[in-house]
């Protein structure tokens, strides 16, 4: 490969990374309801969608990425294996831009839940529980029992049919900017 081609390829790669946005949310609320065996329905609510000021893209490009990849694209479905009949929307609540995704699933264990002998359900909160939006998720609240920061697992009784979990990601600060105004400028779309 000659030097001009190498420079051109490196330019394209760098440009691709340079325009990548850095989207995050303040908190996420998860709700999973079992209907029949391990199948059921779920909802993930993204509260206060924002961008980081250290994002290399513009607020417009970050917003377009949100709409193209998440709202109109398949990024959430690609990261939540086993979901179907997915519906997504964005809306304003408490002066914050929020997103919501509802879905059905055939097997909750594909969504990182573990059932130990029908006695206990467990869910491990990983650094990025479902990977949508940057940042490490930390426990905020649940209708289950949280084991603690050193062992970030939530437990529920084995006969539990509804699992609720709220995680925190990014605290609003002078280094973050809500996408609410941009959403409003686009006519709430």
N, C-alpha and C. Protein backbone atom coordinates (compact mmCIF):
# COMPACT_ATOMS: atom_id res chain seq x y z
N UNK A 1 0.86 -1.17 0.00
CA UNK A 1 0.00 0.00 0.00
C UNK A 1 0.90 1.23 0.00
N UNK A 2 0.63 2.19 -0.89
CA UNK A 2 1.51 3.37 -0.93
C UNK A 2 1.18 4.35 0.19
N UNK A 3 2.07 5.32 0.39
CA UNK A 3 1.93 6.27 1.51
C UNK A 3 0.65 7.08 1.42
N UNK A 4 0.22 7.46 0.23
CA UNK A 4 -1.01 8.26 0.08
C UNK A 4 -2.23 7.48 0.54
N UNK A 5 -2.29 6.20 0.21
CA UNK A 5 -3.42 5.38 0.63
C UNK A 5 -3.42 5.21 2.15
N UNK A 6 -2.26 5.00 2.73
CA UNK A 6 -2.15 4.85 4.19
C UNK A 6 -2.63 6.12 4.87
N UNK A 7 -2.17 7.27 4.40
CA UNK A 7 -2.58 8.55 4.99
C UNK A 7 -4.09 8.71 4.84
N UNK A 8 -4.63 8.37 3.69
CA UNK A 8 -6.06 8.52 3.44
C UNK A 8 -6.87 7.62 4.38
N UNK A 9 -6.46 6.36 4.54
CA UNK A 9 -7.14 5.43 5.42
C UNK A 9 -7.08 5.93 6.87
N UNK A 10 -5.91 6.38 7.31
CA UNK A 10 -5.78 6.92 8.67
C UNK A 10 -6.65 8.15 8.86
N UNK A 11 -6.75 9.00 7.84
CA UNK A 11 -7.60 10.18 7.92
C UNK A 11 -9.06 9.79 8.09
N UNK A 12 -9.51 8.81 7.33
CA UNK A 12 -10.90 8.35 7.43
C UNK A 12 -11.17 7.77 8.81
N UNK A 13 -10.24 6.95 9.30
CA UNK A 13 -10.42 6.35 10.63
C UNK A 13 -10.45 7.44 11.69
N UNK A 14 -9.51 8.39 11.64
CA UNK A 14 -9.47 9.46 12.64
C UNK A 14 -10.73 10.31 12.57
N UNK A 15 -11.18 10.63 11.35
CA UNK A 15 -12.39 11.44 11.20
C UNK A 15 -13.59 10.72 11.80
N UNK A 16 -13.67 9.42 11.60
CA UNK A 16 -14.77 8.65 12.18
C UNK A 16 -14.79 8.73 13.69
N UNK A 17 -13.61 8.61 14.30
CA UNK A 17 -13.54 8.72 15.76
C UNK A 17 -13.75 10.14 16.23
N UNK A 18 -13.30 11.11 15.48
CA UNK A 18 -13.39 12.51 15.90
C UNK A 18 -14.83 12.98 15.98
N UNK A 19 -15.68 12.38 15.18
CA UNK A 19 -17.07 12.84 15.18
C UNK A 19 -17.98 11.94 15.99
N UNK A 20 -17.40 11.03 16.73
CA UNK A 20 -18.21 10.21 17.61
C UNK A 20 -18.64 11.04 18.81
N UNK A 21 -19.89 10.99 19.14
CA UNK A 21 -20.41 11.74 20.27
C UNK A 21 -20.26 10.96 21.56
N UNK A 22 -20.52 11.64 22.64
CA UNK A 22 -20.45 11.01 23.94
C UNK A 22 -21.78 11.27 24.64
N UNK A 23 -22.73 10.37 24.45
CA UNK A 23 -24.05 10.50 25.04
C UNK A 23 -24.11 9.75 26.35
N UNK A 24 -24.89 10.27 27.28
CA UNK A 24 -25.10 9.60 28.55
C UNK A 24 -26.48 9.98 29.08
N UNK A 25 -26.82 9.41 30.21
CA UNK A 25 -28.06 9.73 30.91
C UNK A 25 -27.76 9.86 32.39
N UNK A 26 -28.65 10.54 33.08
CA UNK A 26 -28.49 10.69 34.53
C UNK A 26 -28.80 9.37 35.23
N UNK A 27 -29.96 8.79 34.92
CA UNK A 27 -30.36 7.52 35.51
C UNK A 27 -31.10 6.67 34.49
N UNK A 28 -31.17 5.37 34.78
CA UNK A 28 -31.98 4.44 34.00
C UNK A 28 -32.88 3.68 34.96
N UNK A 29 -34.12 3.49 34.54
CA UNK A 29 -35.06 2.69 35.31
C UNK A 29 -35.43 1.46 34.50
N UNK A 30 -35.22 0.30 35.08
CA UNK A 30 -35.54 -0.97 34.43
C UNK A 30 -36.74 -1.61 35.12
N UNK A 31 -37.65 -2.14 34.32
CA UNK A 31 -38.78 -2.91 34.84
C UNK A 31 -38.93 -4.16 33.99
N UNK A 32 -38.97 -5.30 34.62
CA UNK A 32 -39.17 -6.58 33.93
C UNK A 32 -40.32 -7.29 34.62
N UNK A 33 -41.28 -7.78 33.83
CA UNK A 33 -42.42 -8.53 34.38
C UNK A 33 -42.48 -9.89 33.71
N UNK A 34 -42.46 -10.94 34.54
CA UNK A 34 -42.61 -12.30 34.02
C UNK A 34 -44.09 -12.58 33.79
N UNK A 35 -44.40 -13.19 32.65
CA UNK A 35 -45.79 -13.52 32.31
C UNK A 35 -46.01 -15.03 32.34
N UNK A 36 -45.13 -15.76 31.64
CA UNK A 36 -45.31 -17.19 31.50
C UNK A 36 -43.92 -17.83 31.53
N UNK A 37 -43.60 -18.51 32.60
CA UNK A 37 -42.26 -19.08 32.74
C UNK A 37 -41.23 -17.97 32.81
N UNK A 38 -40.24 -18.01 31.94
CA UNK A 38 -39.20 -16.99 31.91
C UNK A 38 -39.47 -15.89 30.89
N UNK A 39 -40.62 -15.93 30.24
CA UNK A 39 -40.96 -14.92 29.23
C UNK A 39 -41.73 -13.78 29.88
N UNK A 40 -41.75 -12.64 29.19
CA UNK A 40 -42.49 -11.50 29.73
C UNK A 40 -42.25 -10.25 28.94
N UNK A 41 -42.34 -9.12 29.66
CA UNK A 41 -42.16 -7.82 29.01
C UNK A 41 -41.29 -6.95 29.88
N UNK A 42 -40.66 -5.97 29.24
CA UNK A 42 -39.76 -5.09 29.96
C UNK A 42 -39.84 -3.66 29.48
N UNK A 43 -39.24 -2.79 30.28
CA UNK A 43 -39.18 -1.38 29.93
C UNK A 43 -37.87 -0.82 30.49
N UNK A 44 -37.21 -0.01 29.68
CA UNK A 44 -36.04 0.73 30.14
C UNK A 44 -36.35 2.20 29.89
N UNK A 45 -36.25 3.00 30.95
CA UNK A 45 -36.49 4.44 30.85
C UNK A 45 -35.17 5.16 31.09
N UNK A 46 -34.82 6.01 30.15
CA UNK A 46 -33.57 6.78 30.20
C UNK A 46 -33.93 8.20 30.64
N UNK A 47 -33.44 8.63 31.78
CA UNK A 47 -33.84 9.92 32.34
C UNK A 47 -32.70 10.92 32.20
N UNK A 48 -33.01 12.06 31.60
CA UNK A 48 -32.09 13.17 31.38
C UNK A 48 -30.98 12.79 30.40
N UNK A 49 -31.35 12.63 29.14
CA UNK A 49 -30.38 12.33 28.09
C UNK A 49 -29.52 13.57 27.86
N UNK A 50 -28.20 13.37 27.88
CA UNK A 50 -27.29 14.51 27.76
C UNK A 50 -26.04 14.11 27.00
N UNK A 51 -25.23 15.10 26.72
CA UNK A 51 -23.94 14.87 26.06
C UNK A 51 -22.85 15.46 26.94
N UNK A 52 -21.67 14.94 26.77
CA UNK A 52 -20.51 15.42 27.51
C UNK A 52 -19.86 16.54 26.71
N UNK A 53 -19.40 17.58 27.40
CA UNK A 53 -18.71 18.67 26.73
C UNK A 53 -17.39 18.23 26.12
N UNK A 54 -16.85 17.10 26.58
CA UNK A 54 -15.61 16.63 25.97
C UNK A 54 -15.88 15.78 24.73
N UNK A 55 -17.13 15.75 24.31
CA UNK A 55 -17.48 15.07 23.06
C UNK A 55 -16.80 15.79 21.90
N UNK A 56 -16.30 15.01 20.96
CA UNK A 56 -15.63 15.61 19.81
C UNK A 56 -16.61 16.06 18.74
N UNK A 57 -17.86 15.62 18.83
CA UNK A 57 -18.88 16.03 17.88
C UNK A 57 -19.59 17.28 18.36
N UNK A 58 -20.45 17.80 17.51
CA UNK A 58 -21.27 18.94 17.90
C UNK A 58 -22.53 18.43 18.59
N UNK A 59 -23.24 19.32 19.25
CA UNK A 59 -24.49 18.91 19.89
C UNK A 59 -25.48 18.39 18.85
N UNK A 60 -25.44 19.01 17.67
CA UNK A 60 -26.31 18.57 16.57
C UNK A 60 -25.95 17.14 16.13
N UNK A 61 -24.67 16.85 15.98
CA UNK A 61 -24.27 15.50 15.54
C UNK A 61 -24.56 14.47 16.63
N UNK A 62 -24.39 14.86 17.90
CA UNK A 62 -24.72 13.94 18.99
C UNK A 62 -26.22 13.64 19.00
N UNK A 63 -27.03 14.68 18.80
CA UNK A 63 -28.48 14.49 18.76
C UNK A 63 -28.86 13.59 17.58
N UNK A 64 -28.26 13.86 16.42
CA UNK A 64 -28.56 13.03 15.24
C UNK A 64 -28.17 11.58 15.48
N UNK A 65 -27.04 11.35 16.18
CA UNK A 65 -26.63 10.00 16.52
C UNK A 65 -27.67 9.33 17.42
N UNK A 66 -28.18 10.09 18.39
CA UNK A 66 -29.21 9.58 19.28
C UNK A 66 -30.43 9.13 18.48
N UNK A 67 -30.89 9.99 17.59
CA UNK A 67 -32.09 9.67 16.80
C UNK A 67 -31.82 8.53 15.82
N UNK A 68 -30.70 8.61 15.10
CA UNK A 68 -30.42 7.62 14.06
C UNK A 68 -30.07 6.24 14.64
N UNK A 69 -29.25 6.21 15.68
CA UNK A 69 -28.78 4.93 16.21
C UNK A 69 -29.73 4.31 17.24
N UNK A 70 -30.32 5.14 18.08
CA UNK A 70 -31.12 4.62 19.18
C UNK A 70 -32.62 4.64 18.87
N UNK A 71 -33.14 5.81 18.56
CA UNK A 71 -34.59 5.93 18.36
C UNK A 71 -35.04 5.24 17.08
N UNK A 72 -34.41 5.54 15.96
CA UNK A 72 -34.81 4.97 14.67
C UNK A 72 -33.96 3.77 14.27
N UNK A 73 -32.84 3.57 14.94
CA UNK A 73 -31.93 2.48 14.60
C UNK A 73 -32.15 1.26 15.48
N UNK A 74 -31.24 0.33 15.36
CA UNK A 74 -31.34 -0.94 16.09
C UNK A 74 -30.31 -1.10 17.20
N UNK A 75 -29.61 -0.02 17.57
CA UNK A 75 -28.56 -0.16 18.56
C UNK A 75 -29.07 -0.76 19.88
N UNK A 76 -30.19 -0.29 20.42
CA UNK A 76 -30.66 -0.92 21.68
C UNK A 76 -30.96 -2.40 21.51
N UNK A 77 -31.60 -2.77 20.40
CA UNK A 77 -31.94 -4.17 20.17
C UNK A 77 -30.69 -5.02 20.01
N UNK A 78 -29.66 -4.46 19.36
CA UNK A 78 -28.42 -5.18 19.18
C UNK A 78 -27.71 -5.43 20.51
N UNK A 79 -27.94 -4.56 21.48
CA UNK A 79 -27.29 -4.69 22.78
C UNK A 79 -28.12 -5.47 23.79
N UNK A 80 -29.41 -5.62 23.52
CA UNK A 80 -30.31 -6.38 24.39
C UNK A 80 -30.73 -7.64 23.65
N UNK A 81 -29.88 -8.63 23.64
CA UNK A 81 -30.17 -9.84 22.89
C UNK A 81 -31.40 -10.53 23.44
N UNK A 82 -32.25 -10.97 22.52
CA UNK A 82 -33.42 -11.72 22.93
C UNK A 82 -34.68 -10.90 23.09
N UNK A 83 -34.63 -9.59 22.80
CA UNK A 83 -35.84 -8.79 22.90
C UNK A 83 -36.55 -8.75 21.55
N UNK A 84 -37.86 -8.54 21.59
CA UNK A 84 -38.65 -8.46 20.37
C UNK A 84 -39.81 -7.49 20.60
N UNK A 85 -40.49 -7.15 19.52
CA UNK A 85 -41.61 -6.20 19.58
C UNK A 85 -41.22 -4.93 20.33
N UNK A 86 -40.11 -4.37 19.93
CA UNK A 86 -39.52 -3.20 20.59
C UNK A 86 -40.24 -1.93 20.13
N UNK A 87 -40.56 -1.07 21.09
CA UNK A 87 -41.13 0.25 20.81
C UNK A 87 -40.28 1.27 21.55
N UNK A 88 -39.96 2.38 20.87
CA UNK A 88 -39.11 3.41 21.48
C UNK A 88 -39.74 4.78 21.28
N UNK A 89 -39.48 5.65 22.25
CA UNK A 89 -39.97 7.02 22.14
C UNK A 89 -39.09 7.94 22.97
N UNK A 90 -39.14 9.24 22.65
CA UNK A 90 -38.49 10.27 23.47
C UNK A 90 -39.58 11.24 23.90
N UNK A 91 -39.41 11.82 25.09
CA UNK A 91 -40.41 12.73 25.63
C UNK A 91 -39.77 13.60 26.70
N UNK A 92 -40.48 14.66 27.05
CA UNK A 92 -40.02 15.55 28.12
C UNK A 92 -40.75 15.20 29.41
N UNK A 93 -39.97 15.13 30.50
CA UNK A 93 -40.55 14.89 31.82
C UNK A 93 -39.72 15.63 32.85
N UNK A 94 -40.36 16.44 33.66
CA UNK A 94 -39.67 17.22 34.69
C UNK A 94 -38.54 18.06 34.10
N UNK A 95 -38.79 18.65 32.95
CA UNK A 95 -37.83 19.52 32.26
C UNK A 95 -36.55 18.77 31.88
N UNK A 96 -36.67 17.48 31.59
CA UNK A 96 -35.55 16.66 31.16
C UNK A 96 -35.97 15.85 29.94
N UNK A 97 -35.03 15.62 29.02
CA UNK A 97 -35.30 14.76 27.89
C UNK A 97 -35.15 13.30 28.35
N UNK A 98 -36.19 12.54 28.11
CA UNK A 98 -36.19 11.13 28.50
C UNK A 98 -36.44 10.26 27.28
N UNK A 99 -36.03 9.04 27.37
CA UNK A 99 -36.31 8.04 26.36
C UNK A 99 -36.89 6.82 27.03
N UNK A 100 -37.62 6.05 26.25
CA UNK A 100 -38.22 4.85 26.80
C UNK A 100 -38.24 3.77 25.74
N UNK A 101 -37.91 2.58 26.15
CA UNK A 101 -37.97 1.43 25.26
C UNK A 101 -38.76 0.34 25.96
N UNK A 102 -39.81 -0.14 25.31
CA UNK A 102 -40.57 -1.28 25.81
C UNK A 102 -40.33 -2.46 24.88
N UNK A 103 -40.43 -3.65 25.43
CA UNK A 103 -40.11 -4.85 24.65
C UNK A 103 -40.69 -6.07 25.31
N UNK A 104 -40.67 -7.15 24.58
CA UNK A 104 -41.02 -8.46 25.10
C UNK A 104 -39.79 -9.35 25.01
N UNK A 105 -39.77 -10.41 25.82
CA UNK A 105 -38.65 -11.35 25.78
C UNK A 105 -39.19 -12.75 26.02
N UNK A 106 -38.49 -13.74 25.47
CA UNK A 106 -38.86 -15.14 25.65
C UNK A 106 -38.16 -15.78 26.84
N UNK A 107 -37.00 -15.22 27.22
CA UNK A 107 -36.22 -15.82 28.30
C UNK A 107 -35.44 -14.72 29.03
N UNK A 108 -35.87 -14.42 30.24
CA UNK A 108 -35.25 -13.33 31.01
C UNK A 108 -33.78 -13.63 31.34
N UNK A 109 -33.40 -14.89 31.32
CA UNK A 109 -32.00 -15.21 31.63
C UNK A 109 -31.06 -14.73 30.52
N UNK A 110 -31.59 -14.48 29.33
CA UNK A 110 -30.76 -13.90 28.26
C UNK A 110 -30.50 -12.43 28.51
N UNK A 111 -31.22 -11.85 29.46
CA UNK A 111 -31.05 -10.44 29.83
C UNK A 111 -30.26 -10.30 31.12
N UNK A 112 -29.40 -11.27 31.40
CA UNK A 112 -28.46 -11.26 32.51
C UNK A 112 -29.10 -11.53 33.88
N UNK A 113 -30.28 -12.13 33.90
CA UNK A 113 -30.88 -12.56 35.15
C UNK A 113 -30.50 -14.02 35.39
N UNK A 114 -30.39 -14.40 36.65
CA UNK A 114 -30.06 -15.77 37.02
C UNK A 114 -31.05 -16.24 38.06
N UNK A 115 -31.61 -17.42 37.85
CA UNK A 115 -32.55 -18.00 38.80
C UNK A 115 -31.86 -19.20 39.45
N UNK A 116 -31.67 -19.12 40.74
CA UNK A 116 -31.03 -20.21 41.48
C UNK A 116 -32.10 -21.11 42.09
N UNK A 117 -32.32 -22.27 41.48
CA UNK A 117 -33.24 -23.30 41.99
C UNK A 117 -34.63 -22.77 42.36
N UNK A 118 -35.12 -21.79 41.65
CA UNK A 118 -36.43 -21.17 41.91
C UNK A 118 -36.54 -20.60 43.33
N UNK A 119 -35.41 -20.38 43.98
CA UNK A 119 -35.39 -19.82 45.33
C UNK A 119 -35.04 -18.34 45.28
N UNK A 120 -34.14 -17.99 44.38
CA UNK A 120 -33.65 -16.61 44.30
C UNK A 120 -33.40 -16.21 42.85
N UNK A 121 -33.81 -14.99 42.52
CA UNK A 121 -33.43 -14.37 41.25
C UNK A 121 -32.27 -13.43 41.56
N UNK A 122 -31.32 -13.32 40.63
CA UNK A 122 -30.18 -12.43 40.81
C UNK A 122 -29.89 -11.70 39.51
N UNK A 123 -29.44 -10.46 39.65
CA UNK A 123 -29.04 -9.66 38.50
C UNK A 123 -27.76 -8.92 38.87
N UNK A 124 -26.73 -9.08 38.05
CA UNK A 124 -25.44 -8.44 38.27
C UNK A 124 -25.39 -7.12 37.55
N UNK A 125 -25.10 -6.04 38.26
CA UNK A 125 -24.98 -4.71 37.66
C UNK A 125 -23.54 -4.55 37.20
N UNK A 126 -23.34 -4.70 35.90
CA UNK A 126 -21.98 -4.55 35.37
C UNK A 126 -21.69 -3.09 35.11
N UNK A 127 -20.47 -2.81 34.69
CA UNK A 127 -20.05 -1.42 34.45
C UNK A 127 -21.00 -0.71 33.49
N UNK A 128 -21.50 -1.39 32.50
CA UNK A 128 -22.49 -0.83 31.58
C UNK A 128 -23.59 -1.85 31.44
N UNK A 129 -24.56 -1.82 32.32
CA UNK A 129 -25.54 -2.89 32.41
C UNK A 129 -26.10 -3.29 31.05
N UNK A 130 -26.56 -2.37 30.26
CA UNK A 130 -27.02 -2.71 28.93
C UNK A 130 -26.27 -1.93 27.87
N UNK A 131 -25.19 -1.23 28.22
CA UNK A 131 -24.31 -0.63 27.24
C UNK A 131 -24.83 0.55 26.47
N UNK A 132 -26.10 0.92 26.60
CA UNK A 132 -26.62 2.03 25.82
C UNK A 132 -26.31 3.33 26.54
N UNK A 133 -25.52 4.14 25.97
CA UNK A 133 -25.02 5.39 26.53
C UNK A 133 -23.78 5.09 27.37
N UNK A 134 -22.86 6.05 27.35
CA UNK A 134 -21.59 5.81 28.03
C UNK A 134 -21.73 6.00 29.53
N UNK A 135 -20.77 5.45 30.24
CA UNK A 135 -20.74 5.62 31.68
C UNK A 135 -20.93 4.30 32.40
N UNK A 136 -20.47 4.26 33.61
CA UNK A 136 -20.64 3.07 34.44
C UNK A 136 -21.92 3.20 35.23
N UNK A 137 -22.70 2.14 35.22
CA UNK A 137 -23.94 2.16 35.97
C UNK A 137 -23.67 1.72 37.40
N UNK A 138 -24.24 2.45 38.34
CA UNK A 138 -24.15 2.09 39.75
C UNK A 138 -25.55 1.98 40.32
N UNK A 139 -25.70 1.15 41.31
CA UNK A 139 -27.00 0.91 41.93
C UNK A 139 -27.56 2.19 42.53
N UNK A 140 -28.87 2.41 42.33
CA UNK A 140 -29.56 3.55 42.94
C UNK A 140 -30.70 3.04 43.84
N UNK A 141 -31.59 2.20 43.28
CA UNK A 141 -32.68 1.66 44.08
C UNK A 141 -33.27 0.43 43.37
N UNK A 142 -34.08 -0.34 44.12
CA UNK A 142 -34.69 -1.53 43.56
C UNK A 142 -35.78 -2.04 44.49
N UNK A 143 -36.68 -2.88 43.94
CA UNK A 143 -37.63 -3.57 44.80
C UNK A 143 -37.05 -4.91 45.28
N UNK A 144 -35.77 -5.12 44.98
CA UNK A 144 -35.04 -6.29 45.46
C UNK A 144 -34.05 -5.88 46.53
N UNK A 145 -33.13 -6.76 46.85
CA UNK A 145 -32.11 -6.51 47.87
C UNK A 145 -30.75 -6.38 47.19
N UNK A 146 -30.10 -5.25 47.42
CA UNK A 146 -28.79 -4.98 46.84
C UNK A 146 -27.71 -5.52 47.76
N UNK A 147 -26.77 -6.30 47.20
CA UNK A 147 -25.72 -6.92 48.02
C UNK A 147 -24.64 -5.93 48.44
N UNK A 148 -24.45 -4.83 47.71
CA UNK A 148 -23.45 -3.83 48.07
C UNK A 148 -22.51 -3.54 46.93
N UNK A 149 -21.76 -2.45 47.08
CA UNK A 149 -20.87 -1.99 46.01
C UNK A 149 -19.77 -2.99 45.66
N UNK A 150 -19.29 -3.75 46.65
CA UNK A 150 -18.23 -4.71 46.37
C UNK A 150 -18.73 -5.94 45.64
N UNK A 151 -20.03 -6.19 45.72
CA UNK A 151 -20.68 -7.32 45.04
C UNK A 151 -21.99 -6.80 44.46
N UNK A 152 -21.91 -6.08 43.34
CA UNK A 152 -23.09 -5.36 42.82
C UNK A 152 -24.13 -6.27 42.18
N UNK A 153 -24.82 -7.00 43.04
CA UNK A 153 -25.87 -7.92 42.60
C UNK A 153 -27.15 -7.57 43.33
N UNK A 154 -28.27 -7.64 42.62
CA UNK A 154 -29.58 -7.44 43.23
C UNK A 154 -30.25 -8.81 43.28
N UNK A 155 -30.84 -9.13 44.44
CA UNK A 155 -31.53 -10.40 44.64
C UNK A 155 -33.01 -10.17 44.84
N UNK A 156 -33.81 -11.10 44.31
CA UNK A 156 -35.25 -11.10 44.52
C UNK A 156 -35.67 -12.51 44.92
N UNK A 157 -36.79 -12.63 45.63
CA UNK A 157 -37.33 -13.95 45.97
C UNK A 157 -37.62 -14.73 44.69
N UNK A 158 -37.52 -16.04 44.75
CA UNK A 158 -37.72 -16.89 43.59
C UNK A 158 -39.10 -16.82 42.99
N UNK A 159 -40.11 -16.44 43.80
CA UNK A 159 -41.47 -16.35 43.26
C UNK A 159 -41.83 -14.94 42.76
N UNK A 160 -40.86 -14.05 42.80
CA UNK A 160 -41.06 -12.67 42.33
C UNK A 160 -41.36 -12.67 40.83
N UNK A 161 -42.32 -11.84 40.41
CA UNK A 161 -42.69 -11.74 39.00
C UNK A 161 -42.41 -10.37 38.40
N UNK A 162 -42.10 -9.39 39.25
CA UNK A 162 -41.80 -8.05 38.77
C UNK A 162 -40.48 -7.59 39.39
N UNK A 163 -39.55 -7.22 38.51
CA UNK A 163 -38.23 -6.80 38.95
C UNK A 163 -38.04 -5.33 38.57
N UNK A 164 -37.73 -4.50 39.56
CA UNK A 164 -37.50 -3.08 39.30
C UNK A 164 -36.11 -2.72 39.79
N UNK A 165 -35.43 -1.92 38.97
CA UNK A 165 -34.05 -1.54 39.28
C UNK A 165 -33.79 -0.17 38.69
N UNK A 166 -33.17 0.70 39.47
CA UNK A 166 -32.77 2.02 38.98
C UNK A 166 -31.28 2.15 39.18
N UNK A 167 -30.59 2.61 38.12
CA UNK A 167 -29.15 2.82 38.19
C UNK A 167 -28.83 4.28 37.90
N UNK A 168 -27.69 4.72 38.40
CA UNK A 168 -27.21 6.08 38.14
C UNK A 168 -26.00 5.98 37.22
N UNK A 169 -25.89 6.96 36.30
CA UNK A 169 -24.77 6.97 35.36
C UNK A 169 -23.97 8.25 35.46
N UNK A 170 -24.56 9.38 35.04
CA UNK A 170 -23.83 10.63 34.95
C UNK A 170 -24.58 11.73 35.68
N UNK A 171 -23.92 12.36 36.62
CA UNK A 171 -24.52 13.51 37.30
C UNK A 171 -24.42 14.73 36.39
N UNK A 172 -25.51 15.49 36.23
CA UNK A 172 -25.41 16.73 35.45
C UNK A 172 -24.38 17.67 36.09
N UNK A 173 -23.62 18.32 35.25
CA UNK A 173 -22.60 19.26 35.73
C UNK A 173 -22.34 20.29 34.65
N UNK A 174 -21.37 21.15 34.90
CA UNK A 174 -21.00 22.15 33.88
C UNK A 174 -20.34 21.48 32.68
N UNK A 175 -19.98 20.20 32.80
CA UNK A 175 -19.35 19.48 31.69
C UNK A 175 -20.35 18.66 30.88
N UNK A 176 -21.64 18.76 31.20
CA UNK A 176 -22.67 18.04 30.45
C UNK A 176 -23.70 19.04 29.95
N UNK A 177 -24.39 18.66 28.89
CA UNK A 177 -25.44 19.51 28.33
C UNK A 177 -26.62 18.63 27.96
N UNK A 178 -27.78 18.99 28.48
CA UNK A 178 -29.00 18.26 28.16
C UNK A 178 -29.32 18.42 26.68
N UNK A 179 -29.90 17.39 26.09
CA UNK A 179 -30.34 17.47 24.70
C UNK A 179 -31.80 17.90 24.58
N UNK A 180 -32.40 18.33 25.69
CA UNK A 180 -33.80 18.74 25.67
C UNK A 180 -34.05 19.90 24.72
N UNK A 181 -33.22 20.94 24.77
CA UNK A 181 -33.43 22.10 23.90
C UNK A 181 -33.31 21.72 22.43
N UNK A 182 -32.36 20.88 22.10
CA UNK A 182 -32.21 20.44 20.71
C UNK A 182 -33.43 19.63 20.29
N UNK A 183 -33.92 18.77 21.15
CA UNK A 183 -35.12 17.98 20.87
C UNK A 183 -36.31 18.90 20.61
N UNK A 184 -36.44 19.94 21.44
CA UNK A 184 -37.54 20.91 21.25
C UNK A 184 -37.39 21.67 19.94
N UNK A 185 -36.15 22.07 19.62
CA UNK A 185 -35.90 22.79 18.36
C UNK A 185 -36.26 21.93 17.15
N UNK A 186 -36.14 20.65 17.30
CA UNK A 186 -36.48 19.73 16.19
C UNK A 186 -37.97 19.37 16.21
N UNK A 187 -38.73 20.08 17.02
CA UNK A 187 -40.17 19.83 17.07
C UNK A 187 -40.55 18.63 17.91
N UNK A 188 -39.70 18.28 18.85
CA UNK A 188 -40.01 17.13 19.70
C UNK A 188 -39.93 15.82 18.96
N UNK A 189 -39.00 15.74 18.01
CA UNK A 189 -38.87 14.51 17.20
C UNK A 189 -37.46 13.99 17.29
